[in-house]
C-alpha cells in the first residue's frame, strides 16, 4: 500500500527543495495541519499541511527558505515543509520509508542526515542515530527504513545529525490502533510546538559555550533585594543572596535559550499566522500536543476550556481533566476538549521562563480569534527547588556546596543526604550537587504552583494498564544528571559522552534506573528503543513514557525491560545539553 497524500492546492504538491516560505502572518498558509473528521481521517481543511498515510513512503531531506522574523533563512526540511509532513501509520503493519539526502552542497545543515523515530520500538539499525545505529545518510544517497509497527498513538520524528533538529527537521507521527480506542472524538488535530532561531544553530551552540547566560535578561537588582528583605526579613534575604553568590548562579536562570533568541511556532507558524482548527459546537475535539522544540518547556492552556488528558507519550492514561499542561521537550499529550458557548478559543503556550509565547485558535470558522492572555509572572528558583531544603517561600533551610567541597557537618533539617558518585568530586565540569532530592511527582513545577489552575502532574497521570512486565527489577542503576552552568558542560555523573563507557544491559532483564538531578535546570531524559516505566514514590509501576522529565533537585526512578538488542542512545532531549555531553550509549547484549 503506497502512501496517499493530501497537501496544499496547486504547485505546493510539487515543491522544490529550496521553496521560499513567506513568514509572519502568511506562514499559516504553508505550515498548518491536522483536521481529520473521524470517518475519513486522511482528509483536511484548506490551508492544512500535507499528510502522508499508508505503508510506503518517499522522504526527501532538503533545504527550504523561511521567513518568520522579517529575515530569510534556510531551514532543513522534509519534502519541503516545516514541520515535516504528518506520517500516519497503522499498528500491525510493516512500513517502508526511503529517505534521501537532497541537502544542497555547502549547506550549513549538511552534509549527512538521518531520521530518528522518537518513541518507536524497532530494530537498532532502524533507529536513525549516526555512529550508533548506522552511518548516516550521505549527500545524494538514500537509506531504507523498514520495520513492523508494534504500537499506536502520538509520536514524532526528527533528525539526529548535526544541528538539523534545531534547524527545522522535525515532524508529527500518528499511529492508528488496531483495537478501538477507549474514548470518542469527532475531529483530530495535531498541535506541534517548536522553537525557531534565525541564527546558524552551530553559532548558537558556540555562543552558549562562551556565554551561557546570554538570554538571562532578568538578573535581580538592588530594588529586588529591598523588596525581598521587606517581605522575608533581612537575614533570610542576605543568606539567600550569599548562597546564590557562592554557587555563582542566578535564580532567574530558568532556560538556556528563550524568546530573546527564539520565535515560537505552532504547526510551523507564528502567532500572527493564527493556525486555526475548526469545530462545530458540541463536537469532541482530539488535540495531539507534541513538543518538538529543541530547548523549550511549554506551559499550555486553552482559556475557557477544560482539557481531558487521555494519552501521554502515545500511551493511554486514566482520563484526568485539567486546565493546564507542562510539556517537556519531546513529550506528547493527547487531550479531548468540547468547545461550546463561544465561537473561538485561544490555544496559548508560554515558555517556562515566561519570556515569550505562541498562540493558535480553535474556531467555528476561519479568521476568528479569541483574547490572548498575558504572560504569567516570572518565577524565581529557590534552594528548595534544587533539593537543598524545605519547599516554602523563597528561602532555604540549607546552604548549597559546590561539588567536591567538604560537606561534613552541614545541617539539612534531619533529611538523609544524597550520596554522589566519585566522578563528581573535584570535577571541574560539576558546579552543584543536590543534597535532599525527592521525586516530587505531585509538584506541577516552578511557575505553576498555586496559580489557580489545575495542572497535570506525573502523580495525576497513571497508565490505563498494569505493569506490562510484572517482574521486580533485578538490579538498580543510579545516574546523576550533572552540569556546569558557566562552562555550559552537561553530562551523566560528571562524565561526558566521549569519555563514558556504555551502560550494559542483558537482553530480557528488568532493571531500575534511578536518576538524580544535580543541576538547576530541567532535563527531559529519553531512552531510545525501550519504554521507561516511571515508578511512584513507593516503587510501584505508575506511568509508561519514552521521555521522563527531571526537574531540578529531583530523584525519580523507572523500570526498563531490556527487550531490544543493540546499541541505543540515551540522552537529555534539550538539544544543546545533549550536544554538550549529556549523552550515553546503552548496549543490550545476549547473555554470555
Protein backbone atom coordinates (compact mmCIF):
# COMPACT_ATOMS: atom_id res chain seq x y z
CA UNK A 1 0.00 0.00 0.00
CA UNK A 2 1.68 3.21 -1.13
CA UNK A 3 1.43 6.46 0.77
CA UNK A 4 -1.53 8.64 -0.06
CA UNK A 5 -1.09 12.35 0.29
CA UNK A 6 -3.21 15.40 0.74
CA UNK A 7 -1.41 18.72 0.50
CA UNK A 8 -1.95 22.31 -0.41
CA UNK A 9 -3.61 23.12 -3.73
CA UNK A 10 -1.71 23.68 -6.95
CA UNK A 11 2.04 23.73 -7.21
CA UNK A 12 2.70 23.19 -3.50
CA UNK A 13 2.46 19.44 -4.03
CA UNK A 14 5.45 19.77 -6.42
CA UNK A 15 7.74 21.59 -4.02
CA UNK A 16 11.34 22.21 -4.90
CA UNK A 17 13.77 21.69 -2.06
CA UNK A 18 14.53 25.41 -1.84
CA UNK A 19 10.97 26.71 -1.88
CA UNK A 20 10.63 30.14 -0.31
CA UNK A 21 8.21 30.28 2.62
CA UNK A 22 6.84 33.71 3.46
CA UNK A 23 6.71 34.12 7.21
CA UNK A 24 4.76 36.04 9.83
CA UNK A 25 1.04 36.18 9.08
CA UNK A 26 1.36 34.29 5.83
CA UNK A 27 3.23 31.43 7.50
CA UNK A 28 -0.05 29.77 8.39
CA UNK A 29 -0.75 29.27 4.70
CA UNK A 30 2.06 26.77 4.34
CA UNK A 31 2.59 25.16 7.72
CA UNK A 32 -0.69 24.34 9.42
CA UNK A 33 -2.16 20.89 9.53
CA UNK A 34 -4.30 18.37 11.25
CA UNK A 35 -8.02 18.17 10.51
CA UNK A 36 -9.29 14.61 10.20
CA UNK A 37 -13.05 14.08 10.59
CA UNK A 38 -13.43 10.73 12.31
CA UNK A 39 -14.96 8.75 9.38
CA UNK A 40 -12.21 9.78 6.92
CA UNK A 41 -9.06 10.62 8.81
CA UNK A 42 -6.90 11.45 5.79
CA UNK A 43 -9.00 14.47 4.86
CA UNK A 44 -8.08 18.00 5.87
CA UNK A 45 -9.39 21.52 5.51
CA UNK A 46 -7.99 24.11 3.10
CA UNK A 47 -4.67 25.52 4.24
CA UNK A 48 -3.63 22.41 6.15
CA UNK A 49 -0.27 20.77 5.58
CA UNK A 50 0.36 17.52 3.80
CA UNK A 51 -0.49 14.20 5.43
CA UNK A 52 1.19 11.02 4.18
CA UNK A 53 -0.55 7.78 5.10
CA UNK A 54 -0.06 4.14 4.25
CA UNK A 55 2.93 1.81 4.40
CA UNK A 56 5.28 3.07 1.67
CA UNK A 57 6.91 6.50 1.86
CA UNK A 58 9.46 8.59 -0.02
CA UNK A 59 11.00 11.38 2.07
CA UNK A 60 13.46 13.96 0.80
CA UNK A 61 15.65 15.89 3.24
CA UNK A 62 16.43 19.26 1.71
CA UNK A 63 16.69 22.95 2.41
CA UNK A 64 13.87 25.49 2.31
CA UNK A 65 14.00 29.25 2.75
CA UNK A 66 11.73 30.50 5.53
CA UNK A 67 10.92 33.91 6.97
CA UNK A 68 9.44 34.10 10.46
CA UNK A 69 11.01 37.35 11.67
CA UNK A 70 11.45 39.51 8.58
CA UNK A 71 14.72 37.78 7.71
CA UNK A 72 15.01 34.99 5.16
CA UNK A 73 16.89 31.98 6.44
CA UNK A 74 17.50 28.39 5.28
CA UNK A 75 15.71 25.64 7.18
CA UNK A 76 16.35 21.92 6.86
CA UNK A 77 13.08 20.27 5.90
CA UNK A 78 11.44 17.02 4.81
CA UNK A 79 9.59 17.18 1.48
CA UNK A 80 9.95 20.95 1.62
CA UNK A 81 7.82 21.60 4.69
CA UNK A 82 8.40 22.80 8.25
CA UNK A 83 7.32 20.89 10.25
CA UNK A 84 7.80 17.80 8.11
CA UNK A 85 4.65 16.10 6.76
CA UNK A 86 2.47 14.17 9.17
CA UNK A 87 3.17 10.47 8.74
CA UNK A 88 0.16 8.30 9.52
CA UNK A 89 0.76 4.60 10.07
CA UNK A 90 -1.36 1.66 11.22
CA UNK A 91 -0.45 -0.58 14.13
CA UNK A 92 0.47 -4.07 12.99
CA UNK A 93 1.62 -3.09 9.50
CA UNK A 94 5.15 -3.01 8.14
CA UNK A 95 6.26 0.42 6.92
CA UNK A 96 8.92 1.16 4.31
CA UNK A 97 10.48 4.62 4.22
CA UNK A 98 13.06 5.68 1.63
CA UNK A 99 14.86 8.73 3.00
CA UNK A 100 17.07 10.61 0.52
CA UNK A 101 19.63 13.26 1.37
CA UNK A 102 18.96 16.15 -1.04
CA UNK A 103 20.67 18.85 1.01
CA UNK A 104 22.44 21.30 -1.30
CA UNK A 105 26.20 21.25 -1.50
CA UNK A 106 27.70 23.62 1.06
CA UNK A 107 24.56 23.79 3.22
CA UNK A 108 25.13 24.83 6.84
CA UNK A 109 22.89 21.88 7.73
CA UNK A 110 24.91 19.19 5.95
CA UNK A 111 26.50 17.17 4.75
CA UNK A 112 24.97 13.98 6.20
CA UNK A 113 21.44 13.47 7.52
CA UNK A 114 19.25 10.95 9.37
CA UNK A 115 15.77 10.42 10.79
CA UNK A 116 15.09 9.10 14.29
CA UNK A 117 11.57 7.80 15.01
CA UNK A 118 11.10 9.14 18.53
CA UNK A 119 9.50 6.67 20.93
CA UNK A 120 9.11 3.93 18.32
CA UNK A 121 10.05 0.32 19.10
CA UNK A 122 12.15 -1.05 16.25
CA UNK A 123 15.42 -2.82 15.42
CA UNK A 124 18.54 -0.87 16.38
CA UNK A 125 19.66 -0.38 12.78
CA UNK A 126 16.35 1.38 12.04
CA UNK A 127 16.65 3.87 14.93
CA UNK A 128 18.47 6.54 12.93
CA UNK A 129 21.36 7.61 15.18
CA UNK A 130 24.58 8.10 13.15
CA UNK A 131 27.63 6.49 14.69
CA UNK A 132 25.50 4.15 16.76
CA UNK A 133 22.56 2.78 14.76
CA UNK A 134 24.02 3.33 11.30
CA UNK A 135 26.49 5.52 9.39
CA UNK A 136 24.05 8.29 8.46
CA UNK A 137 22.82 9.24 5.00
CA UNK A 138 25.45 10.87 2.82
CA UNK A 139 24.71 13.57 0.20
CA UNK A 140 22.78 12.21 -2.77
CA UNK A 141 22.28 8.84 -1.12
CA UNK A 142 19.24 7.15 0.40
CA UNK A 143 18.58 4.89 3.34
CA UNK A 144 15.81 2.31 3.50
CA UNK A 145 13.96 2.14 6.80
CA UNK A 146 11.68 -0.91 7.10
CA UNK A 147 10.13 -2.24 10.30
CA UNK A 148 6.92 -3.52 11.83
CA UNK A 149 4.74 -1.02 13.68
CA UNK A 150 4.22 -2.52 17.14
CA UNK A 151 2.38 0.32 18.88
CA UNK A 152 -0.16 3.08 18.43
CA UNK A 153 -0.50 6.70 19.50
CA UNK A 154 1.02 10.14 19.02
CA UNK A 155 4.76 10.38 18.38
CA UNK A 156 7.15 12.42 16.26
CA UNK A 157 10.31 12.15 14.20
CA UNK A 158 13.41 14.30 13.81
CA UNK A 159 16.99 14.36 12.62
CA UNK A 160 19.80 13.05 14.80
CA UNK A 161 22.54 14.57 12.62
CA UNK A 162 24.50 17.70 13.46
CA UNK A 163 22.26 20.64 14.36
CA UNK A 164 19.45 19.74 11.95
CA UNK A 165 16.78 19.26 14.61
CA UNK A 166 17.26 22.86 15.76
CA UNK A 167 17.25 23.89 12.09
CA UNK A 168 13.69 22.69 11.45
CA UNK A 169 13.87 18.97 10.71
CA UNK A 170 11.03 17.51 12.77
CA UNK A 171 7.52 16.27 12.13
CA UNK A 172 4.48 14.50 13.65
CA UNK A 173 3.96 10.75 13.58
CA UNK A 174 0.48 9.32 14.20
CA UNK A 175 -0.17 5.58 14.53
CA UNK A 176 -3.76 4.35 14.39
CA UNK A 177 -4.51 1.44 16.74
CA UNK A 178 -5.82 -1.98 15.81
CA UNK A 179 -8.25 -2.07 18.73
CA UNK A 180 -10.91 0.62 19.31
CA UNK A 181 -9.72 3.49 21.44
CA UNK A 182 -11.24 3.92 24.92
CA UNK A 183 -12.58 7.40 24.15
CA UNK A 184 -14.61 9.08 21.44
CA UNK A 185 -13.92 12.21 19.37
CA UNK A 186 -15.24 13.88 16.24
CA UNK A 187 -12.17 15.71 14.93
CA UNK A 188 -8.47 15.11 15.29
CA UNK A 189 -5.75 17.80 15.20
CA UNK A 190 -2.01 17.79 15.66
CA UNK A 191 -0.66 20.81 17.55
CA UNK A 192 3.11 20.79 17.06
CA UNK A 193 5.16 23.19 19.19
CA UNK A 194 8.69 24.21 18.20
CA UNK A 195 11.30 26.93 18.60
CA UNK A 196 12.92 28.68 15.65
CA UNK A 197 16.08 30.79 15.55
CA UNK A 198 17.45 32.82 12.68
CA UNK A 199 20.95 32.04 13.97
CA UNK A 200 23.03 29.28 12.49
CA UNK A 201 22.45 26.61 15.19
CA UNK A 202 26.17 25.86 15.33
CA UNK A 203 26.85 29.52 16.13
CA UNK A 204 24.14 29.47 18.79
CA UNK A 205 25.85 26.50 20.41
CA UNK A 206 29.18 28.32 20.29
CA UNK A 207 27.56 31.33 21.97
CA UNK A 208 26.21 29.11 24.75
CA UNK A 209 29.69 27.72 25.35
CA UNK A 210 31.14 31.23 25.58
CA UNK A 211 28.32 32.99 27.43
CA UNK A 212 25.66 30.60 28.68
CA UNK A 213 23.71 33.40 30.43
CA UNK A 214 23.21 35.44 27.23
CA UNK A 215 19.40 35.11 27.33
CA UNK A 216 19.07 35.65 31.08
CA UNK A 217 17.94 39.27 30.89
CA UNK A 218 16.27 39.32 34.29
CA UNK A 219 19.05 39.41 36.86
CA UNK A 220 17.97 40.53 40.31
CA UNK A 221 18.55 44.18 41.24
CA UNK A 222 19.12 46.21 44.40
CA UNK A 223 15.43 47.03 44.33
CA UNK A 224 14.63 43.32 44.37
CA UNK A 225 16.86 42.91 47.42
CA UNK A 226 15.00 45.54 49.42
CA UNK A 227 11.61 44.14 48.37
CA UNK A 228 12.67 40.62 49.44
CA UNK A 229 14.07 41.94 52.74
CA UNK A 230 10.77 43.66 53.45
CA UNK A 231 8.81 40.51 52.63
CA UNK A 232 11.02 37.75 54.08
CA UNK A 233 13.31 39.55 56.52
CA UNK A 234 16.79 40.98 56.14
CA UNK A 235 18.76 38.00 57.49
CA UNK A 236 16.88 35.49 55.33
CA UNK A 237 17.40 37.64 52.24
CA UNK A 238 21.12 38.07 52.96
CA UNK A 239 21.56 34.31 53.41
CA UNK A 240 19.70 33.69 50.16
CA UNK A 241 21.96 36.09 48.24
CA UNK A 242 25.07 34.60 49.83
CA UNK A 243 24.05 31.08 48.84
CA UNK A 244 23.46 32.09 45.21
CA UNK A 245 26.69 34.07 45.15
CA UNK A 246 28.64 31.11 46.48
CA UNK A 247 27.36 28.99 43.62
CA UNK A 248 27.96 31.76 41.07
CA UNK A 249 24.47 31.07 39.77
CA UNK A 250 21.30 33.07 39.29
CA UNK A 251 17.77 32.14 40.45
CA UNK A 252 16.47 33.84 37.31
CA UNK A 253 18.35 31.41 35.03
CA UNK A 254 15.39 29.21 34.06
CA UNK A 255 16.27 28.40 30.45
CA UNK A 256 19.44 28.48 28.42
CA UNK A 257 17.76 29.80 25.27
CA UNK A 258 14.43 31.58 25.32
CA UNK A 259 12.30 34.12 23.45
CA UNK A 260 15.15 36.62 23.37
CA UNK A 261 16.61 34.31 20.73
CA UNK A 262 13.69 32.09 19.71
CA UNK A 263 10.49 32.63 17.77
CA UNK A 264 7.95 30.09 18.98
CA UNK A 265 5.83 28.23 16.43
CA UNK A 266 2.66 26.17 16.41
CA UNK A 267 2.37 23.90 13.39
CA UNK A 268 5.14 25.86 11.71
CA UNK A 269 3.55 29.28 12.00
CA UNK A 270 3.84 32.25 14.34
CA UNK A 271 1.02 33.67 16.42
CA UNK A 272 0.35 36.17 13.64
CA UNK A 273 -0.19 33.25 11.28
CA UNK A 274 -3.01 32.11 13.61
CA UNK A 275 -3.18 28.41 12.84
CA UNK A 276 -6.85 27.53 13.21
CA UNK A 277 -8.57 24.24 13.94
CA UNK A 278 -12.25 24.29 13.04
CA UNK A 279 -15.05 22.80 15.12
CA UNK A 280 -18.81 22.65 15.36
CA UNK A 281 -20.35 23.37 18.76
CA UNK A 282 -20.91 20.19 20.70
CA UNK A 283 -18.18 18.22 18.97
CA UNK A 284 -15.42 16.46 20.84
CA UNK A 285 -12.02 17.51 19.52
CA UNK A 286 -8.87 15.46 19.96
CA UNK A 287 -5.76 17.61 20.18
CA UNK A 288 -2.42 15.85 19.87
CA UNK A 289 0.09 18.16 21.54
CA UNK A 290 3.71 17.46 20.57
CA UNK A 291 6.62 19.44 21.99
CA UNK A 292 9.10 19.18 19.13
CA UNK A 293 11.21 22.08 20.35
CA UNK A 294 14.96 21.98 20.76
CA UNK A 295 15.26 23.73 24.13
CA UNK A 296 11.83 24.87 25.34
CA UNK A 297 9.42 23.72 28.03
CA UNK A 298 5.92 24.95 27.18
CA UNK A 299 3.09 25.58 29.64
CA UNK A 300 -0.10 25.22 27.61
CA UNK A 301 -3.74 26.02 28.26
CA UNK A 302 -6.93 26.93 26.39
CA UNK A 303 -8.69 29.65 28.42
CA UNK A 304 -12.36 28.76 28.81
CA UNK A 305 -11.85 25.08 28.01
CA UNK A 306 -11.07 22.12 30.21
CA UNK A 307 -8.74 19.50 28.72
CA UNK A 308 -9.17 15.81 29.44
CA UNK A 309 -5.84 14.03 29.10
CA UNK A 310 -6.31 10.58 27.55
CA UNK A 311 -2.78 9.64 26.46
CA UNK A 312 0.81 10.61 27.28
CA UNK A 313 3.78 9.75 25.08
CA UNK A 314 1.44 7.70 22.92
CA UNK A 315 0.15 5.52 25.78
CA UNK A 316 -3.36 5.58 27.25
CA UNK A 317 -3.79 7.02 30.74
CA UNK A 318 -6.75 7.12 33.08
CA UNK A 319 -8.54 10.28 31.91
CA UNK A 320 -7.91 13.36 34.01
CA UNK A 321 -9.42 16.79 33.40
CA UNK A 322 -7.12 19.78 33.84
CA UNK A 323 -6.72 23.44 32.93
CA UNK A 324 -3.04 23.38 32.02
CA UNK A 325 -0.19 21.15 30.86
CA UNK A 326 3.57 21.46 31.12
CA UNK A 327 5.16 19.81 28.10
CA UNK A 328 8.82 18.98 28.48
CA UNK A 329 10.80 18.88 25.25
CA UNK A 330 9.92 15.67 23.33
CA UNK A 331 6.79 14.82 25.35
CA UNK A 332 3.36 14.30 23.76
CA UNK A 333 -0.08 14.72 25.33
CA UNK A 334 -3.41 13.75 23.76
CA UNK A 335 -6.41 15.63 25.14
CA UNK A 336 -10.13 15.83 24.42
CA UNK A 337 -11.88 19.22 24.51
CA UNK A 338 -15.55 20.06 23.99
CA UNK A 339 -15.83 23.68 22.79
CA UNK A 340 -19.25 25.27 23.14
CA UNK A 341 -20.68 28.60 24.18
CA UNK A 342 -18.28 30.77 22.20
CA UNK A 343 -17.08 30.94 18.61
CA UNK A 344 -13.31 30.92 19.22
CA UNK A 345 -10.78 29.76 21.81
CA UNK A 346 -7.07 30.54 22.10
CA UNK A 347 -4.51 27.75 22.39
CA UNK A 348 -1.88 29.54 24.46
CA UNK A 349 1.64 28.18 25.10
CA UNK A 350 4.16 30.19 27.13
CA UNK A 351 7.73 29.17 27.79
CA UNK A 352 8.54 28.16 31.36
CA UNK A 353 10.82 31.20 31.80
CA UNK A 354 7.93 33.50 30.85
CA UNK A 355 9.90 35.28 28.15
CA UNK A 356 7.55 34.58 25.24
CA UNK A 357 4.54 32.72 23.94
CA UNK A 358 2.81 31.40 20.85
CA UNK A 359 -0.89 31.04 20.18
CA UNK A 360 -3.31 29.36 17.80
CA UNK A 361 -7.09 29.19 17.60
CA UNK A 362 -9.99 26.77 17.75
CA UNK A 363 -12.93 28.38 15.97
CA UNK A 364 -16.20 27.73 14.16
CA UNK A 365 -14.76 29.37 11.02
CA UNK A 366 -11.50 30.75 9.67
CA UNK A 367 -10.47 34.29 10.56
CA UNK A 368 -11.68 34.34 14.16
CA UNK A 369 -9.56 34.95 17.23
CA UNK A 370 -10.12 34.94 20.96
CA UNK A 371 -8.32 37.08 23.55
CA UNK A 372 -4.72 36.07 24.25
CA UNK A 373 -3.79 36.03 27.95
CA UNK A 374 -0.78 37.85 29.31
CA UNK A 375 2.38 36.03 30.28
CA UNK A 376 2.32 34.75 33.84
CA UNK A 377 4.67 36.36 36.37
CA UNK A 378 8.28 35.34 36.03
CA UNK A 379 9.18 32.76 38.73
CA UNK A 380 12.45 32.50 40.65
CA UNK A 381 14.32 29.36 41.57
CA UNK A 382 14.86 28.72 45.27
CA UNK A 383 17.35 26.50 47.03
CA UNK A 384 14.45 24.20 47.86
CA UNK A 385 13.66 23.86 44.15
CA UNK A 386 17.12 22.40 43.69
CA UNK A 387 16.83 19.87 46.51
CA UNK A 388 18.52 21.88 49.25
CA UNK A 389 15.77 22.32 51.78
CA UNK A 390 12.08 22.56 52.52
CA UNK A 391 9.97 23.93 49.67
CA UNK A 392 8.45 27.05 51.19
CA UNK A 393 8.63 30.69 50.20
CA UNK A 394 11.84 32.00 48.67
CA UNK A 395 14.21 30.94 51.44
CA UNK A 396 16.10 27.75 52.11
CA UNK A 397 16.90 25.65 55.15
CA UNK A 398 20.28 24.60 53.83
CA UNK A 399 23.33 26.02 52.15
CA UNK A 400 24.47 24.71 48.79
CA UNK A 401 28.02 23.40 48.35
CA UNK A 402 29.91 23.16 45.14
CA UNK A 403 30.62 19.63 44.03
CA UNK A 404 33.75 18.35 45.73
CA UNK A 405 33.61 20.75 48.69
CA UNK A 406 33.63 19.38 52.21
CA UNK A 407 30.02 18.65 53.08
CA UNK A 408 30.57 17.29 56.59
CA UNK A 409 28.59 18.92 59.35
CA UNK A 410 26.05 20.53 57.05
CA UNK A 411 22.56 20.75 58.52
CA UNK A 412 19.82 19.58 56.19
CA UNK A 413 16.96 19.55 58.63
CA UNK A 414 17.49 15.91 59.55
CA UNK A 415 16.96 14.71 55.98
CA UNK A 416 19.06 11.88 54.60
CA UNK A 417 21.77 13.33 52.44
CA UNK A 418 22.11 12.09 48.88
CA UNK A 419 25.27 10.14 48.06
CA UNK A 420 27.12 11.11 44.90
CA UNK A 421 29.42 9.19 42.55
CA UNK A 422 33.16 9.63 42.97
CA UNK A 423 33.35 11.00 39.43
CA UNK A 424 31.57 14.17 40.60
CA UNK A 425 34.09 15.01 43.30
CA UNK A 426 36.55 17.80 42.44
CA UNK A 427 35.20 17.71 38.92
CA UNK A 428 35.60 20.99 37.01
CA UNK A 429 32.51 20.11 34.95
CA UNK A 430 30.23 19.85 38.01
CA UNK A 431 29.18 23.03 39.79
CA UNK A 432 26.38 21.71 42.02
CA UNK A 433 25.09 18.67 43.87
CA UNK A 434 21.62 18.20 45.23
CA UNK A 435 21.56 17.23 48.90
CA UNK A 436 17.96 16.15 49.60
CA UNK A 437 16.32 15.24 46.29
CA UNK A 438 12.76 13.92 46.19
CA UNK A 439 10.53 12.51 43.42
CA UNK A 440 8.11 15.46 43.63
CA UNK A 441 5.72 13.72 41.22
CA UNK A 442 2.81 15.81 42.52
CA UNK A 443 4.63 19.12 42.04
CA UNK A 444 3.28 20.98 38.96
CA UNK A 445 6.62 22.74 38.62
CA UNK A 446 8.18 26.14 39.09
CA UNK A 447 5.82 28.88 37.91
CA UNK A 448 2.73 26.66 38.02
CA UNK A 449 2.22 26.21 41.75
CA UNK A 450 -0.85 27.82 43.26
CA UNK A 451 -1.75 29.65 40.06
CA UNK A 452 -5.47 28.95 40.42
CA UNK A 453 -5.46 26.40 37.59
CA UNK A 454 -5.44 22.63 37.74
CA UNK A 455 -2.14 21.48 36.23
CA UNK A 456 -1.48 17.89 35.19
CA UNK A 457 1.36 16.33 37.19
CA UNK A 458 3.09 12.98 36.90
CA UNK A 459 1.27 11.95 40.10
CA UNK A 460 -2.07 12.62 38.39
CA UNK A 461 -1.19 10.75 35.21
CA UNK A 462 -1.50 6.97 35.56
CA UNK A 463 -1.24 4.41 32.79
CA UNK A 464 -4.55 2.77 31.94
CA UNK A 465 -2.95 -0.68 32.12
CA UNK A 466 -0.95 -2.65 34.70
CA UNK A 467 2.79 -3.12 34.59
CA UNK A 468 3.31 -4.79 31.19
CA UNK A 469 6.28 -6.78 32.52
CA UNK A 470 5.22 -7.63 36.06
CA UNK A 471 8.67 -8.54 37.37
CA UNK A 472 10.55 -6.65 40.01
CA UNK A 473 13.81 -5.21 38.68
CA UNK A 474 16.79 -7.46 39.23
CA UNK A 475 19.23 -4.59 39.74
CA UNK A 476 19.38 -0.82 40.06
CA UNK A 477 21.47 1.66 38.10
CA UNK A 478 21.77 5.17 39.57
CA UNK A 479 22.82 8.02 37.33
CA UNK A 480 23.30 11.68 38.21
CA UNK A 481 22.49 14.49 35.80
CA UNK A 482 25.34 16.96 36.14
CA UNK A 483 26.45 20.23 34.66
CA UNK A 484 28.41 23.43 34.94
CA UNK A 485 26.33 26.49 34.07
CA UNK A 486 29.14 28.90 33.23
CA UNK A 487 31.03 26.38 31.11
CA UNK A 488 27.82 25.01 29.59
CA UNK A 489 29.03 21.47 30.21
CA UNK A 490 26.46 18.69 30.73
CA UNK A 491 26.89 15.01 31.47
CA UNK A 492 25.82 11.90 33.36
CA UNK A 493 27.83 11.50 36.60
CA UNK A 494 30.14 14.32 35.51
CA UNK A 495 31.49 12.19 32.64
CA UNK A 496 30.85 13.49 29.14
CA UNK A 497 29.85 11.09 26.39
CA UNK A 498 33.27 10.99 24.75
CA UNK A 499 34.83 9.63 27.97
CA UNK A 500 31.94 7.44 29.16
CA UNK A 501 31.66 3.67 29.00
CA UNK A 502 28.38 2.24 27.65
CA UNK A 503 25.69 1.14 30.08
CA UNK A 504 25.41 -2.60 29.50
CA UNK A 505 22.11 -4.44 29.89
CA UNK A 506 21.47 -8.13 29.39
CA UNK A 507 18.76 -8.99 26.91
CA UNK A 508 15.49 -9.76 28.70
CA UNK A 509 16.45 -8.38 32.10
CA UNK A 510 14.40 -5.88 34.06
CA UNK A 511 16.40 -3.02 35.57
CA UNK A 512 15.56 0.00 37.65
CA UNK A 513 17.15 3.27 36.60
CA UNK A 514 17.32 5.97 39.26
CA UNK A 515 18.04 9.49 38.05
CA UNK A 516 19.22 12.27 40.37
CA UNK A 517 19.25 15.82 39.01
CA UNK A 518 22.32 17.57 40.41
CA UNK A 519 21.71 20.72 38.35
CA UNK A 520 19.49 23.78 38.50
CA UNK A 521 17.92 23.01 35.10
CA UNK A 522 15.15 20.68 33.94
CA UNK A 523 16.25 17.71 31.85
CA UNK A 524 13.88 15.55 29.75
CA UNK A 525 15.66 12.18 29.55
CA UNK A 526 14.97 9.92 26.57
CA UNK A 527 15.99 6.27 26.22
CA UNK A 528 15.82 5.01 22.63
CA UNK A 529 14.30 1.66 21.71
CA UNK A 530 12.71 0.75 25.06
CA UNK A 531 9.97 2.05 27.34
CA UNK A 532 10.69 3.89 30.56
CA UNK A 533 8.11 2.76 33.14
CA UNK A 534 8.02 5.51 35.75
CA UNK A 535 7.56 4.36 39.36
CA UNK A 536 5.59 6.15 42.07
CA UNK A 537 7.15 7.15 45.41
CA UNK A 538 6.66 3.59 46.70
CA UNK A 539 8.40 1.92 43.78
CA UNK A 540 5.23 0.68 42.06
CA UNK A 541 4.60 0.93 38.32
CA UNK A 542 2.87 4.23 37.57
CA UNK A 543 3.27 5.70 34.08
CA UNK A 544 4.77 4.39 30.82
CA UNK A 545 6.80 7.02 28.97
CA UNK A 546 9.51 7.45 26.36
CA UNK A 547 10.76 10.74 27.85
CA UNK A 548 11.00 11.36 31.60
CA UNK A 549 11.11 14.94 32.86
CA UNK A 550 13.63 15.60 35.62
CA UNK A 551 13.14 18.98 37.34
CA UNK A 552 15.99 20.44 39.39
CA UNK A 553 16.64 18.66 42.67
CA UNK A 554 14.50 15.61 41.88
CA UNK A 555 15.19 11.90 42.20
CA UNK A 556 12.96 9.70 40.06
CA UNK A 557 13.07 6.03 39.15
CA UNK A 558 11.73 3.94 36.31
CA UNK A 559 11.85 0.36 35.12
CA UNK A 560 13.27 -0.75 31.79
CA UNK A 561 12.80 -4.12 30.13
CA UNK A 562 15.89 -4.73 28.02
CA UNK A 563 13.97 -6.30 25.15
CA UNK A 564 15.82 -4.72 22.21
CA UNK A 565 19.28 -5.95 21.22
CA UNK A 566 21.85 -3.47 20.02
CA UNK A 567 23.29 -0.04 20.70
CA UNK A 568 20.86 2.67 21.83
CA UNK A 569 21.16 6.37 22.51
CA UNK A 570 20.28 7.69 25.96
CA UNK A 571 20.30 11.44 26.43
CA UNK A 572 18.80 14.69 27.58
CA UNK A 573 16.35 15.94 24.96
CA UNK A 574 17.29 19.56 25.46
CA UNK A 575 19.22 19.66 22.23
CA UNK A 576 22.26 21.65 23.29
CA UNK A 577 22.56 19.72 26.58
CA UNK A 578 22.84 16.55 24.51
CA UNK A 579 25.37 18.20 22.22
CA UNK A 580 27.36 19.40 25.24
CA UNK A 581 27.76 15.89 26.66
CA UNK A 582 24.60 14.65 28.43
CA UNK A 583 24.51 11.53 26.28
CA UNK A 584 25.30 7.88 26.92
CA UNK A 585 25.20 4.67 24.96
CA UNK A 586 23.05 1.81 26.28
CA UNK A 587 24.15 -1.55 24.95
CA UNK A 588 21.75 -4.51 25.16
CA UNK A 589 23.58 -7.81 24.68
CA UNK A 590 22.73 -11.51 24.76
CA UNK A 591 23.68 -13.47 27.84
CA UNK A 592 27.21 -14.80 27.67
